[in-house]
Amino acid sequence: MTDAISFEVPWARIDKFDPPSVFATLREERPLARMVYPDGHVGWIASSYELVREVLSDPRFSHSCEVGHFPVTHQGQVIPTHPLIPGMFIHMDPPEHTRYRRLLTGEFTVRRTNRLIPHVEAVAAEQIDVMRAHGAPADLVTTFAKPLVLRVLSEMVGLPYDEQDRYLPAVILLHDAEADPAEAVAAYEQAGAFFDEVIERRRKQPRDDLISALVNEELTGEELRNMVTLLLFAGYETTESALAVGVFALLHHTEALAALRADPARLDAAIEELLRYLTVNQYHTYRTALEDIKLNGEVIKQGDTVTVSLPAANRDPAKFSCPEKLDIDRETSGHVAFGFGIHQCLGQNLARVELRAGLSALLRAFPDLRLAVTADEVPLRLRGSVFAVKNLPVSW
């Protein structure tokens, strides 16, 4: 207990792009450190690349809400263990997790998502037109990143983009650490009711989307609603933040941007490096020990929470040389920006398609794209599960 760090310490990001400096010390001295959560529960935090992957791939560590003890929400409230929520497979272990995820896996393969490239590129081109019509300076978040990702994701899932006011507030509020919890719950309930409505529409008039495909499976209405919720909530905020913060990083790292403009064929490699370097999924990745487990010379007791830091793992010098540097020519294979193991992000291939289309469109359309304010004036969202910029003023 005497050497346990506070839960707040590893999340105290003080730089635009770097995770807290404490991780460098932890990786070197205590890559598996005791950590005291806000409700007094003493668990652990893993900060090395090797340990993060080990925890996330070991079936003795559970992500089930029935046994989990993740004792804090964005607002600092304790989350009690509770029965499985039908369809919300992110908080399940096999075989329940496997059953639900298998229904979606085929829709998110590289081959399937690559079929969407022409459409995603067309949406990106339309948002470029929106930026031009707005004129410089413009907020890249609201005129480009958010609408691009939401339009693509909504259409793929089967949610009407022109009715986004009925479901988007829930996504925004539940990712916002400063939001009123009661307001967030009300928005969540409103979104759930809307999803039920759309599901019934698709039962009567199916289309080429995920909801129409899922209504033909043996799923209850509750299961289907929660699967739709998960797809939207997991796929929107993370990708639009990765796109906006990725642009911010490139505009700040002018040498990398110049190299990419000189050779657009390096874009795919640059995207992987941005994913590694930024790791916008900054915390709330945790597991619970199902039994006593020896790890890194320590005994993790049954019921202990182990939080893993994906940003720290992606900055581990044992895996990536000079990890604090943005290097678009780096070998990035194995990065954990999308997690690892059976819960690795289902939509990562779609995210890559969106990032590639978005960045490519911006580079082509605005060869002199630049920040309209100083880098220090760009407002960051440092709390919450996703690292993001609140807005990104740009000129061209």
Protein backbone atom coordinates (compact mmCIF):
# COMPACT_ATOMS: atom_id res chain seq x y z
CA MET A 1 0.00 0.00 0.00
CA THR A 2 2.76 2.46 0.84
CA ASP A 3 4.11 2.43 -2.72
CA ALA A 4 0.73 2.48 -4.45
CA ILE A 5 0.16 5.43 -6.75
CA SER A 6 -3.12 7.33 -6.97
CA PHE A 7 -5.51 6.65 -9.84
CA GLU A 8 -5.24 10.31 -10.85
CA VAL A 9 -1.47 10.25 -11.40
CA PRO A 10 -1.29 8.29 -14.69
CA TRP A 11 -4.01 10.40 -16.32
CA ALA A 12 -2.47 13.80 -15.61
CA ARG A 13 -1.56 14.53 -19.25
CA ILE A 14 0.26 17.84 -19.42
CA ASP A 15 1.52 17.89 -23.01
CA LYS A 16 -0.33 18.13 -26.31
CA PHE A 17 0.62 14.70 -27.60
CA ASP A 18 2.55 12.85 -24.92
CA PRO A 19 1.13 10.62 -22.19
CA PRO A 20 2.07 11.62 -18.62
CA SER A 21 5.80 11.51 -17.92
CA VAL A 22 5.20 9.23 -14.92
CA PHE A 23 4.91 6.31 -17.33
CA ALA A 24 8.59 6.53 -18.23
CA THR A 25 9.49 6.08 -14.57
CA LEU A 26 6.94 3.33 -14.03
CA ARG A 27 8.12 1.32 -17.04
CA GLU A 28 11.69 1.48 -15.81
CA GLU A 29 11.09 0.89 -12.09
CA ARG A 30 7.64 -0.69 -11.70
CA PRO A 31 6.02 -1.69 -15.02
CA LEU A 32 3.37 -3.37 -12.87
CA ALA A 33 2.58 -0.92 -10.08
CA ARG A 34 0.01 -0.89 -7.30
CA MET A 35 -2.67 1.73 -7.81
CA VAL A 36 -5.37 3.04 -5.47
CA TYR A 37 -8.69 3.72 -7.20
CA PRO A 38 -10.97 6.54 -6.02
CA ASP A 39 -13.18 4.23 -3.95
CA GLY A 40 -10.18 2.82 -2.05
CA HIS A 41 -9.88 -0.39 -4.06
CA VAL A 42 -6.21 -1.28 -4.52
CA GLY A 43 -5.42 -2.73 -7.90
CA TRP A 44 -2.67 -2.43 -10.46
CA ILE A 45 -1.55 -0.54 -13.54
CA ALA A 46 0.56 -2.07 -16.32
CA SER A 47 2.64 0.35 -18.39
CA SER A 48 5.08 -1.76 -20.41
CA TYR A 49 4.32 -3.06 -23.89
CA GLU A 50 5.01 -6.65 -22.90
CA LEU A 51 2.78 -6.59 -19.81
CA VAL A 52 -0.08 -4.77 -21.54
CA ARG A 53 -0.23 -7.42 -24.25
CA GLU A 54 0.11 -10.20 -21.71
CA VAL A 55 -2.82 -8.99 -19.62
CA LEU A 56 -5.05 -8.34 -22.63
CA SER A 57 -4.40 -11.81 -24.10
CA ASP A 58 -4.63 -13.89 -20.93
CA PRO A 59 -8.10 -15.52 -20.50
CA ARG A 60 -7.57 -15.52 -16.75
CA PHE A 61 -8.20 -11.79 -16.88
CA SER A 62 -11.87 -10.99 -17.40
CA HIS A 63 -13.62 -8.04 -18.98
CA SER A 64 -17.04 -9.14 -17.79
CA CYS A 65 -19.21 -6.65 -15.95
CA GLU A 66 -20.34 -9.55 -13.73
CA VAL A 67 -16.95 -9.79 -12.05
CA GLY A 68 -15.26 -6.51 -12.98
CA HIS A 69 -14.33 -3.85 -10.49
CA PHE A 70 -13.68 -0.65 -12.35
CA PRO A 71 -14.43 1.81 -9.62
CA VAL A 72 -14.75 5.14 -11.39
CA THR A 73 -16.75 6.72 -14.17
CA HIS A 74 -15.78 10.00 -15.82
CA GLN A 75 -17.62 11.72 -12.98
CA GLY A 76 -15.86 9.72 -10.23
CA GLN A 77 -18.71 7.36 -9.39
CA VAL A 78 -18.26 3.70 -8.50
CA ILE A 79 -19.47 1.17 -11.06
CA PRO A 80 -20.83 -1.88 -9.24
CA THR A 81 -20.68 -5.33 -10.76
CA HIS A 82 -23.95 -6.18 -12.49
CA PRO A 83 -25.50 -8.85 -14.70
CA LEU A 84 -24.50 -9.03 -18.34
CA ILE A 85 -26.31 -6.54 -20.53
CA PRO A 86 -27.70 -8.45 -23.53
CA GLY A 87 -25.87 -7.47 -26.70
CA MET A 88 -23.28 -5.26 -24.95
CA PHE A 89 -20.53 -7.74 -25.73
CA ILE A 90 -17.62 -5.42 -24.98
CA HIS A 91 -18.15 -6.28 -21.31
CA MET A 92 -18.42 -10.03 -21.79
CA ASP A 93 -16.06 -12.99 -21.85
CA PRO A 94 -16.34 -16.02 -24.13
CA PRO A 95 -18.57 -17.73 -25.03
CA GLU A 96 -21.09 -14.86 -24.82
CA HIS A 97 -18.61 -12.38 -26.26
CA THR A 98 -17.76 -14.75 -29.10
CA ARG A 99 -21.41 -15.30 -30.06
CA TYR A 100 -22.21 -11.62 -30.48
CA ARG A 101 -18.93 -10.53 -32.04
CA ARG A 102 -19.08 -13.31 -34.63
CA LEU A 103 -22.28 -11.79 -35.99
CA LEU A 104 -20.36 -8.64 -36.93
CA THR A 105 -16.87 -9.82 -37.79
CA GLY A 106 -17.60 -10.37 -41.48
CA GLU A 107 -18.79 -6.78 -41.90
CA PHE A 108 -15.48 -5.33 -40.70
CA THR A 109 -12.89 -7.37 -42.61
CA VAL A 110 -10.29 -5.57 -44.73
CA ARG A 111 -12.01 -6.78 -47.89
CA ARG A 112 -15.46 -5.62 -46.77
CA THR A 113 -14.33 -2.21 -45.53
CA ASN A 114 -12.22 -1.63 -48.66
CA ARG A 115 -15.44 -1.83 -50.67
CA LEU A 116 -16.49 1.33 -48.85
CA ILE A 117 -13.47 3.34 -50.00
CA PRO A 118 -15.19 5.10 -52.96
CA HIS A 119 -18.10 6.12 -50.76
CA VAL A 120 -15.89 7.33 -47.92
CA GLU A 121 -13.76 9.31 -50.36
CA ALA A 122 -16.90 10.89 -51.79
CA VAL A 123 -18.06 11.91 -48.31
CA ALA A 124 -14.61 13.37 -47.60
CA ALA A 125 -14.78 15.38 -50.83
CA GLU A 126 -18.19 16.75 -49.85
CA GLN A 127 -16.84 17.83 -46.46
CA ILE A 128 -13.95 19.56 -48.21
CA ASP A 129 -16.60 21.54 -50.12
CA VAL A 130 -18.22 22.41 -46.79
CA MET A 131 -14.90 23.74 -45.50
CA ARG A 132 -14.38 25.82 -48.64
CA ALA A 133 -17.91 27.21 -48.45
CA HIS A 134 -17.33 28.14 -44.83
CA GLY A 135 -14.05 29.83 -45.65
CA ALA A 136 -10.88 30.17 -43.64
CA PRO A 137 -10.42 30.00 -40.77
CA ALA A 138 -12.62 26.98 -40.13
CA ASP A 139 -12.92 24.48 -37.31
CA LEU A 140 -11.71 21.21 -38.78
CA VAL A 141 -13.50 19.24 -36.05
CA THR A 142 -17.02 20.46 -36.82
CA THR A 143 -16.69 21.02 -40.57
CA PHE A 144 -14.73 17.91 -41.46
CA ALA A 145 -13.72 15.25 -38.90
CA LYS A 146 -16.98 14.80 -37.01
CA PRO A 147 -19.37 14.83 -40.00
CA LEU A 148 -17.11 12.60 -42.10
CA VAL A 149 -16.93 9.86 -39.48
CA LEU A 150 -20.55 10.15 -38.37
CA ARG A 151 -21.90 10.06 -41.93
CA VAL A 152 -19.91 6.95 -42.81
CA LEU A 153 -20.60 5.12 -39.56
CA SER A 154 -24.29 6.02 -39.42
CA GLU A 155 -24.89 4.83 -42.97
CA MET A 156 -23.01 1.59 -42.41
CA VAL A 157 -24.94 0.83 -39.22
CA GLY A 158 -28.26 2.01 -40.66
CA LEU A 159 -28.94 5.15 -38.62
CA PRO A 160 -30.35 8.15 -40.53
CA TYR A 161 -27.72 10.89 -40.50
CA ASP A 162 -30.39 13.56 -40.96
CA GLU A 163 -31.87 12.48 -37.60
CA GLN A 164 -28.58 12.65 -35.72
CA ASP A 165 -30.06 15.02 -33.15
CA ARG A 166 -31.90 11.99 -31.75
CA TYR A 167 -28.78 9.93 -31.04
CA LEU A 168 -25.61 12.01 -31.29
CA PRO A 169 -26.06 13.90 -27.96
CA ALA A 170 -25.82 10.61 -26.07
CA VAL A 171 -22.49 9.77 -27.70
CA ILE A 172 -21.05 13.19 -26.96
CA LEU A 173 -22.25 13.38 -23.36
CA LEU A 174 -21.20 9.89 -22.36
CA HIS A 175 -17.63 10.56 -23.54
CA ASP A 176 -17.50 13.95 -21.81
CA ALA A 177 -15.96 13.86 -18.34
CA GLU A 178 -17.51 17.25 -17.54
CA ALA A 179 -21.06 16.39 -18.60
CA ASP A 180 -23.97 16.28 -16.15
CA PRO A 181 -24.58 12.56 -15.41
CA ALA A 182 -28.35 13.02 -15.35
CA GLU A 183 -28.28 14.77 -18.72
CA ALA A 184 -26.12 11.98 -20.14
CA VAL A 185 -28.51 9.28 -18.90
CA ALA A 186 -31.51 11.10 -20.37
CA ALA A 187 -29.77 11.41 -23.74
CA TYR A 188 -28.82 7.71 -23.61
CA GLU A 189 -32.43 6.71 -23.01
CA GLN A 190 -33.59 8.94 -25.87
CA ALA A 191 -31.04 7.35 -28.20
CA GLY A 192 -32.12 3.85 -27.17
CA ALA A 193 -35.74 4.64 -27.94
CA PHE A 194 -34.71 5.98 -31.35
CA PHE A 195 -32.67 2.85 -32.09
CA ASP A 196 -35.74 0.73 -31.34
CA GLU A 197 -37.69 2.86 -33.80
CA VAL A 198 -35.08 2.47 -36.54
CA ILE A 199 -34.87 -1.29 -35.94
CA GLU A 200 -38.61 -1.57 -36.56
CA ARG A 201 -38.25 0.48 -39.74
CA ARG A 202 -35.58 -1.94 -40.99
CA ARG A 203 -37.71 -4.97 -40.15
CA LYS A 204 -40.37 -3.59 -42.46
CA GLN A 205 -38.08 -2.07 -45.08
CA PRO A 206 -34.60 -3.62 -44.97
CA ARG A 207 -31.63 -1.87 -46.57
CA ASP A 208 -27.97 -2.66 -47.14
CA ASP A 209 -26.83 -1.91 -43.60
CA LEU A 210 -25.90 -3.68 -40.38
CA ILE A 211 -29.26 -3.25 -38.66
CA SER A 212 -31.05 -4.85 -41.62
CA ALA A 213 -28.62 -7.77 -41.51
CA LEU A 214 -28.93 -8.23 -37.75
CA VAL A 215 -32.74 -8.27 -37.69
CA ASN A 216 -32.50 -11.61 -39.50
CA GLU A 217 -30.45 -13.11 -36.67
CA GLU A 218 -31.93 -14.72 -33.57
CA LEU A 219 -31.64 -11.61 -31.42
CA THR A 220 -34.07 -9.96 -29.04
CA GLY A 221 -34.94 -6.31 -29.46
CA GLU A 222 -32.83 -5.48 -26.41
CA GLU A 223 -29.81 -7.35 -27.80
CA LEU A 224 -30.09 -5.62 -31.14
CA ARG A 225 -30.52 -2.17 -29.60
CA ASN A 226 -27.45 -2.63 -27.42
CA MET A 227 -25.33 -3.89 -30.31
CA VAL A 228 -26.27 -0.81 -32.32
CA THR A 229 -25.44 1.35 -29.30
CA LEU A 230 -22.03 -0.28 -28.93
CA LEU A 231 -21.15 0.10 -32.61
CA LEU A 232 -21.96 3.80 -32.57
CA PHE A 233 -20.47 4.65 -29.20
CA ALA A 234 -17.23 2.75 -29.82
CA GLY A 235 -16.74 3.78 -33.44
CA TYR A 236 -17.55 7.48 -33.58
CA GLU A 237 -15.69 9.42 -30.92
CA THR A 238 -12.49 7.42 -31.21
CA THR A 239 -12.15 7.77 -34.98
CA GLU A 240 -13.13 11.41 -35.32
CA SER A 241 -10.73 12.25 -32.49
CA ALA A 242 -7.93 10.26 -34.13
CA LEU A 243 -8.54 12.16 -37.36
CA ALA A 244 -8.65 15.63 -35.81
CA VAL A 245 -5.75 15.07 -33.40
CA GLY A 246 -3.81 13.40 -36.23
CA VAL A 247 -4.17 16.53 -38.35
CA PHE A 248 -3.13 18.65 -35.35
CA ALA A 249 -0.03 16.50 -34.86
CA LEU A 250 0.96 16.79 -38.52
CA LEU A 251 0.44 20.55 -38.58
CA HIS A 252 2.59 20.81 -35.46
CA HIS A 253 5.30 18.45 -36.74
CA THR A 254 6.05 20.35 -39.92
CA GLU A 255 8.88 18.07 -41.09
CA ALA A 256 6.64 15.02 -41.05
CA LEU A 257 3.91 16.95 -42.85
CA ALA A 258 6.34 18.16 -45.52
CA ALA A 259 7.60 14.60 -46.07
CA LEU A 260 4.06 13.32 -46.43
CA ARG A 261 3.11 16.07 -48.88
CA ALA A 262 6.21 15.29 -50.93
CA ASP A 263 5.35 11.59 -51.06
CA PRO A 264 1.65 10.80 -50.49
CA ALA A 265 2.44 7.07 -50.93
CA ARG A 266 3.70 7.16 -47.34
CA LEU A 267 0.21 7.92 -46.04
CA ASP A 268 -0.65 4.41 -44.81
CA ALA A 269 2.60 4.21 -42.84
CA ALA A 270 1.99 7.70 -41.47
CA ILE A 271 -1.49 6.71 -40.27
CA GLU A 272 -0.11 3.75 -38.33
CA GLU A 273 2.52 5.98 -36.76
CA LEU A 274 -0.09 8.58 -35.82
CA LEU A 275 -2.21 5.86 -34.24
CA ARG A 276 0.78 4.67 -32.21
CA TYR A 277 2.09 8.11 -31.34
CA LEU A 278 -1.26 9.58 -30.27
CA THR A 279 -3.16 6.52 -28.92
CA VAL A 280 -6.36 8.52 -28.38
CA ASN A 281 -7.91 5.63 -26.42
CA GLN A 282 -6.07 6.90 -23.40
CA TYR A 283 -7.53 4.95 -20.50
CA HIS A 284 -10.46 2.89 -19.18
CA THR A 285 -8.83 -0.31 -20.45
CA TYR A 286 -8.94 -2.74 -17.58
CA ARG A 287 -9.31 -6.39 -16.65
CA THR A 288 -10.19 -8.34 -13.51
CA ALA A 289 -8.26 -11.38 -12.29
CA LEU A 290 -10.43 -14.52 -12.21
CA GLU A 291 -7.87 -16.30 -10.03
CA ASP A 292 -4.57 -15.60 -8.32
CA ILE A 293 -2.07 -14.89 -11.13
CA LYS A 294 1.67 -14.37 -10.95
CA LEU A 295 2.68 -11.52 -13.21
CA ASN A 296 6.04 -9.74 -13.41
CA GLY A 297 7.06 -11.21 -10.05
CA GLU A 298 3.88 -10.02 -8.33
CA VAL A 299 0.81 -11.97 -7.29
CA ILE A 300 -2.38 -10.52 -8.68
CA LYS A 301 -5.13 -11.68 -6.34
CA GLN A 302 -8.46 -12.94 -7.60
CA GLY A 303 -10.77 -9.93 -7.99
CA ASP A 304 -7.96 -7.40 -8.38
CA THR A 305 -8.36 -4.81 -11.12
CA VAL A 306 -5.51 -4.42 -13.58
CA THR A 307 -5.67 -1.26 -15.66
CA VAL A 308 -3.46 -1.26 -18.75
CA SER A 309 -2.18 1.92 -20.37
CA LEU A 310 -2.27 1.68 -24.15
CA PRO A 311 -0.50 5.06 -24.57
CA ALA A 312 2.31 3.94 -22.27
CA ALA A 313 2.69 0.63 -24.12
CA ASN A 314 2.92 2.45 -27.45
CA ARG A 315 5.69 4.65 -26.04
CA ASP A 316 7.75 1.77 -24.63
CA PRO A 317 11.37 2.08 -25.88
CA ALA A 318 11.76 -1.68 -25.49
CA LYS A 319 9.38 -2.00 -28.47
CA PHE A 320 9.78 1.28 -30.38
CA SER A 321 13.07 3.16 -30.59
CA CYS A 322 12.84 6.87 -29.75
CA PRO A 323 9.10 6.38 -29.13
CA GLU A 324 8.55 10.04 -28.21
CA LYS A 325 9.33 11.04 -31.80
CA LEU A 326 6.72 11.15 -34.56
CA ASP A 327 8.44 9.19 -37.34
CA ILE A 328 6.27 8.37 -40.35
CA ASP A 329 8.91 5.92 -41.63
CA ARG A 330 8.90 3.89 -38.41
CA GLU A 331 8.12 0.17 -38.29
CA THR A 332 4.87 0.26 -36.30
CA SER A 333 3.67 -3.34 -36.53
CA GLY A 334 2.30 -4.58 -33.24
CA HIS A 335 1.17 -1.23 -31.86
CA VAL A 336 -1.77 -1.45 -29.48
CA ALA A 337 -3.72 1.68 -30.39
CA PHE A 338 -6.70 -0.59 -31.11
CA GLY A 339 -6.08 -2.77 -28.07
CA PHE A 340 -5.06 -6.40 -28.19
CA GLY A 341 -6.56 -9.84 -27.75
CA ILE A 342 -10.16 -10.89 -28.23
CA HIS A 343 -11.45 -7.38 -27.47
CA GLN A 344 -9.23 -5.67 -30.03
CA CYS A 345 -11.24 -2.99 -31.81
CA LEU A 346 -13.71 -4.60 -34.20
CA GLY A 347 -13.91 -1.50 -36.38
CA GLN A 348 -10.20 -0.84 -36.83
CA ASN A 349 -10.26 -1.54 -40.58
CA LEU A 350 -13.10 0.92 -41.06
CA ALA A 351 -11.23 3.49 -38.96
CA ARG A 352 -8.20 3.14 -41.22
CA VAL A 353 -10.35 3.67 -44.33
CA GLU A 354 -11.83 6.83 -42.80
CA LEU A 355 -8.45 8.17 -41.68
CA ARG A 356 -6.89 7.49 -45.07
CA ALA A 357 -9.72 9.16 -46.98
CA GLY A 358 -9.84 12.12 -44.62
CA LEU A 359 -6.13 12.85 -44.52
CA SER A 360 -5.71 12.26 -48.26
CA ALA A 361 -8.53 14.66 -49.09
CA LEU A 362 -7.11 17.37 -46.84
CA LEU A 363 -3.58 17.04 -48.25
CA ARG A 364 -4.84 17.27 -51.84
CA ALA A 365 -7.34 20.06 -51.32
CA PHE A 366 -5.27 22.31 -49.07
CA PRO A 367 -1.53 22.10 -49.87
CA ASP A 368 -0.96 25.01 -47.50
CA LEU A 369 -3.26 23.86 -44.68
CA ARG A 370 -2.03 25.34 -41.40
CA LEU A 371 -3.14 26.14 -37.87
CA ALA A 372 -5.09 29.38 -37.54
CA VAL A 373 -3.91 29.74 -33.94
CA THR A 374 -0.73 28.77 -32.13
CA ALA A 375 -0.44 25.13 -31.10
CA ASP A 376 -0.72 26.11 -27.45
CA GLU A 377 -4.06 27.79 -28.15
CA VAL A 378 -5.70 24.61 -29.48
CA PRO A 379 -8.09 23.50 -26.71
CA LEU A 380 -7.53 19.90 -25.66
CA ARG A 381 -9.89 17.48 -23.97
CA LEU A 382 -7.54 15.78 -21.55
CA ARG A 383 -10.07 13.95 -19.41
CA GLY A 384 -12.38 11.22 -20.56
CA SER A 385 -11.67 7.93 -22.23
CA VAL A 386 -10.72 9.54 -25.56
CA PHE A 387 -7.99 12.15 -25.97
CA ALA A 388 -9.32 14.83 -28.30
CA VAL A 389 -9.18 18.44 -29.42
CA LYS A 390 -12.30 20.44 -28.64
CA ASN A 391 -11.82 22.39 -31.85
CA LEU A 392 -9.04 22.83 -34.40
CA PRO A 393 -9.00 26.23 -36.16
CA VAL A 394 -7.24 25.94 -39.52
CA SER A 395 -6.53 28.19 -42.49
CA TRP A 396 -5.38 27.59 -46.05
